[in-house]
Amino acid sequence: MVTTIQVSEELKDRLALRKMSDKDRYEDVIWDLLEDTLELNEQTKIEIKTARKEFSEGKFVTHAELKKELGI
């Protein structure tokens, strides 16, 4: 369902400044703003915990090592 909301000109102008391109919709801008306040889902929390553990165990490749491996 689509609905219309009413915002002040000032808020509309500030939202417009956050658009990455002219094709962005205000809905996209609002979702991006909300994303910072949303709770991470359980799978993401598990993946972050795993990544931190692997990092602390030295199971990672640096950017320089990866570039060398790829011949860049």
N, C-alpha and C. Protein backbone atom coordinates (compact mmCIF):
# COMPACT_ATOMS: atom_id res chain seq x y z
N MET A 1 0.83 -1.17 0.00
CA MET A 1 0.00 0.00 0.00
C MET A 1 0.89 1.24 0.00
N VAL A 2 0.58 2.19 -0.82
CA VAL A 2 1.30 3.45 -0.90
C VAL A 2 0.49 4.52 -0.22
N THR A 3 1.17 5.39 0.51
CA THR A 3 0.49 6.49 1.17
C THR A 3 1.29 7.76 0.97
N THR A 4 0.66 8.86 1.24
CA THR A 4 1.31 10.16 1.14
C THR A 4 1.53 10.69 2.54
N ILE A 5 2.70 11.29 2.77
CA ILE A 5 2.94 11.93 4.06
C ILE A 5 3.21 13.40 3.83
N GLN A 6 2.99 14.19 4.85
CA GLN A 6 3.19 15.63 4.74
C GLN A 6 4.41 16.00 5.56
N VAL A 7 5.36 16.71 4.93
CA VAL A 7 6.55 17.18 5.64
C VAL A 7 6.74 18.65 5.31
N SER A 8 7.46 19.33 6.16
CA SER A 8 7.72 20.75 5.93
C SER A 8 8.69 20.91 4.76
N GLU A 9 8.73 22.10 4.20
CA GLU A 9 9.67 22.40 3.12
C GLU A 9 11.11 22.22 3.60
N GLU A 10 11.37 22.62 4.85
CA GLU A 10 12.72 22.50 5.41
C GLU A 10 13.15 21.03 5.44
N LEU A 11 12.28 20.15 5.92
CA LEU A 11 12.62 18.73 5.97
C LEU A 11 12.79 18.16 4.56
N LYS A 12 11.91 18.53 3.65
CA LYS A 12 12.03 18.07 2.27
C LYS A 12 13.37 18.50 1.67
N ASP A 13 13.78 19.73 1.94
CA ASP A 13 15.07 20.21 1.43
C ASP A 13 16.24 19.45 2.04
N ARG A 14 16.13 19.13 3.32
CA ARG A 14 17.22 18.39 3.98
C ARG A 14 17.28 16.95 3.48
N LEU A 15 16.13 16.35 3.24
CA LEU A 15 16.10 15.00 2.67
C LEU A 15 16.69 15.01 1.26
N ALA A 16 16.37 16.05 0.51
CA ALA A 16 16.89 16.16 -0.86
C ALA A 16 18.42 16.20 -0.87
N LEU A 17 19.01 16.82 0.14
CA LEU A 17 20.47 16.89 0.23
C LEU A 17 21.10 15.51 0.46
N ARG A 18 20.33 14.58 1.00
CA ARG A 18 20.84 13.24 1.28
C ARG A 18 20.70 12.29 0.10
N LYS A 19 20.04 12.73 -0.95
CA LYS A 19 19.90 11.88 -2.13
C LYS A 19 21.26 11.67 -2.78
N MET A 20 21.54 10.44 -3.17
CA MET A 20 22.80 10.15 -3.84
C MET A 20 22.73 10.52 -5.32
N SER A 21 21.54 10.49 -5.88
CA SER A 21 21.33 10.88 -7.27
C SER A 21 19.92 11.41 -7.41
N ASP A 22 19.67 12.03 -8.54
CA ASP A 22 18.33 12.57 -8.79
C ASP A 22 17.28 11.46 -8.90
N LYS A 23 17.74 10.24 -9.19
CA LYS A 23 16.82 9.11 -9.33
C LYS A 23 16.36 8.55 -7.99
N ASP A 24 17.09 8.88 -6.91
CA ASP A 24 16.70 8.39 -5.59
C ASP A 24 15.33 8.94 -5.22
N ARG A 25 14.56 8.08 -4.56
CA ARG A 25 13.26 8.49 -4.06
C ARG A 25 13.42 8.90 -2.60
N TYR A 26 12.52 9.71 -2.11
CA TYR A 26 12.57 10.10 -0.71
C TYR A 26 12.44 8.86 0.18
N GLU A 27 11.71 7.88 -0.27
CA GLU A 27 11.58 6.63 0.50
C GLU A 27 12.95 5.98 0.70
N ASP A 28 13.78 5.99 -0.35
CA ASP A 28 15.13 5.42 -0.23
C ASP A 28 15.94 6.16 0.82
N VAL A 29 15.83 7.48 0.80
CA VAL A 29 16.57 8.30 1.76
C VAL A 29 16.11 7.98 3.18
N ILE A 30 14.82 7.88 3.38
CA ILE A 30 14.28 7.59 4.71
C ILE A 30 14.71 6.21 5.18
N TRP A 31 14.66 5.21 4.29
CA TRP A 31 15.10 3.86 4.67
C TRP A 31 16.58 3.86 5.06
N ASP A 32 17.40 4.61 4.33
CA ASP A 32 18.82 4.70 4.68
C ASP A 32 19.00 5.30 6.07
N LEU A 33 18.22 6.30 6.40
CA LEU A 33 18.30 6.91 7.72
C LEU A 33 17.85 5.94 8.81
N LEU A 34 16.81 5.18 8.53
CA LEU A 34 16.29 4.23 9.51
C LEU A 34 17.23 3.05 9.72
N GLU A 35 17.96 2.70 8.70
CA GLU A 35 18.83 1.53 8.76
C GLU A 35 19.81 1.62 9.93
N ASP A 36 20.28 2.83 10.23
CA ASP A 36 21.22 3.02 11.33
C ASP A 36 20.61 2.71 12.69
N THR A 37 19.30 2.72 12.78
CA THR A 37 18.66 2.50 14.07
C THR A 37 18.04 1.11 14.21
N LEU A 38 18.07 0.34 13.13
CA LEU A 38 17.46 -0.98 13.17
C LEU A 38 18.36 -1.98 13.88
N GLU A 39 17.76 -2.92 14.54
CA GLU A 39 18.48 -3.98 15.23
C GLU A 39 19.03 -4.98 14.21
N LEU A 40 20.24 -5.45 14.44
CA LEU A 40 20.81 -6.47 13.57
C LEU A 40 20.07 -7.78 13.78
N ASN A 41 19.86 -8.55 12.71
CA ASN A 41 19.20 -9.84 12.88
C ASN A 41 20.20 -10.84 13.46
N GLU A 42 19.69 -11.95 13.95
CA GLU A 42 20.53 -12.93 14.65
C GLU A 42 21.64 -13.49 13.76
N GLN A 43 21.35 -13.73 12.49
CA GLN A 43 22.36 -14.27 11.57
C GLN A 43 23.52 -13.29 11.42
N THR A 44 23.21 -12.01 11.30
CA THR A 44 24.26 -11.00 11.17
C THR A 44 25.10 -10.93 12.43
N LYS A 45 24.45 -11.02 13.60
CA LYS A 45 25.20 -11.01 14.87
C LYS A 45 26.15 -12.20 14.94
N ILE A 46 25.71 -13.37 14.50
CA ILE A 46 26.55 -14.57 14.49
C ILE A 46 27.75 -14.37 13.55
N GLU A 47 27.48 -13.81 12.36
CA GLU A 47 28.55 -13.59 11.39
C GLU A 47 29.58 -12.59 11.90
N ILE A 48 29.14 -11.56 12.59
CA ILE A 48 30.07 -10.58 13.16
C ILE A 48 30.92 -11.22 14.23
N LYS A 49 30.30 -12.02 15.10
CA LYS A 49 31.03 -12.70 16.16
C LYS A 49 32.07 -13.65 15.57
N THR A 50 31.69 -14.38 14.52
CA THR A 50 32.61 -15.30 13.85
C THR A 50 33.77 -14.54 13.22
N ALA A 51 33.47 -13.44 12.55
CA ALA A 51 34.50 -12.64 11.91
C ALA A 51 35.48 -12.07 12.92
N ARG A 52 34.99 -11.60 14.05
CA ARG A 52 35.87 -11.07 15.10
C ARG A 52 36.78 -12.17 15.64
N LYS A 53 36.23 -13.37 15.82
CA LYS A 53 37.02 -14.50 16.32
C LYS A 53 38.12 -14.85 15.32
N GLU A 54 37.75 -14.95 14.04
CA GLU A 54 38.73 -15.27 13.00
C GLU A 54 39.82 -14.21 12.93
N PHE A 55 39.44 -12.95 13.06
CA PHE A 55 40.41 -11.87 13.01
C PHE A 55 41.39 -11.98 14.18
N SER A 56 40.86 -12.23 15.37
CA SER A 56 41.73 -12.34 16.55
C SER A 56 42.66 -13.54 16.46
N GLU A 57 42.27 -14.56 15.67
CA GLU A 57 43.11 -15.74 15.47
C GLU A 57 44.07 -15.56 14.29
N GLY A 58 44.03 -14.38 13.68
CA GLY A 58 44.93 -14.11 12.56
C GLY A 58 44.47 -14.71 11.24
N LYS A 59 43.23 -15.10 11.17
CA LYS A 59 42.69 -15.71 9.95
C LYS A 59 42.12 -14.62 9.03
N PHE A 60 43.03 -13.87 8.43
CA PHE A 60 42.61 -12.82 7.52
C PHE A 60 43.74 -12.53 6.54
N VAL A 61 43.41 -11.81 5.49
CA VAL A 61 44.38 -11.41 4.49
C VAL A 61 44.34 -9.89 4.41
N THR A 62 45.50 -9.24 4.43
CA THR A 62 45.52 -7.79 4.34
C THR A 62 45.25 -7.35 2.90
N HIS A 63 44.94 -6.09 2.75
CA HIS A 63 44.69 -5.54 1.43
C HIS A 63 45.93 -5.69 0.56
N ALA A 64 47.09 -5.40 1.13
CA ALA A 64 48.35 -5.52 0.38
C ALA A 64 48.59 -6.96 -0.07
N GLU A 65 48.33 -7.91 0.83
CA GLU A 65 48.52 -9.33 0.48
C GLU A 65 47.57 -9.74 -0.64
N LEU A 66 46.35 -9.30 -0.57
CA LEU A 66 45.36 -9.64 -1.59
C LEU A 66 45.75 -9.05 -2.95
N LYS A 67 46.21 -7.80 -2.95
CA LYS A 67 46.66 -7.17 -4.19
C LYS A 67 47.83 -7.94 -4.80
N LYS A 68 48.74 -8.36 -3.95
CA LYS A 68 49.90 -9.13 -4.43
C LYS A 68 49.44 -10.47 -5.01
N GLU A 69 48.54 -11.13 -4.32
CA GLU A 69 48.02 -12.42 -4.77
C GLU A 69 47.30 -12.30 -6.11
N LEU A 70 46.58 -11.18 -6.29
CA LEU A 70 45.83 -10.97 -7.52
C LEU A 70 46.68 -10.31 -8.62
N GLY A 71 47.90 -9.94 -8.26
CA GLY A 71 48.78 -9.33 -9.25
C GLY A 71 48.37 -7.91 -9.61
N ILE A 72 47.82 -7.20 -8.66
CA ILE A 72 47.36 -5.83 -8.91
C ILE A 72 48.43 -4.86 -8.46
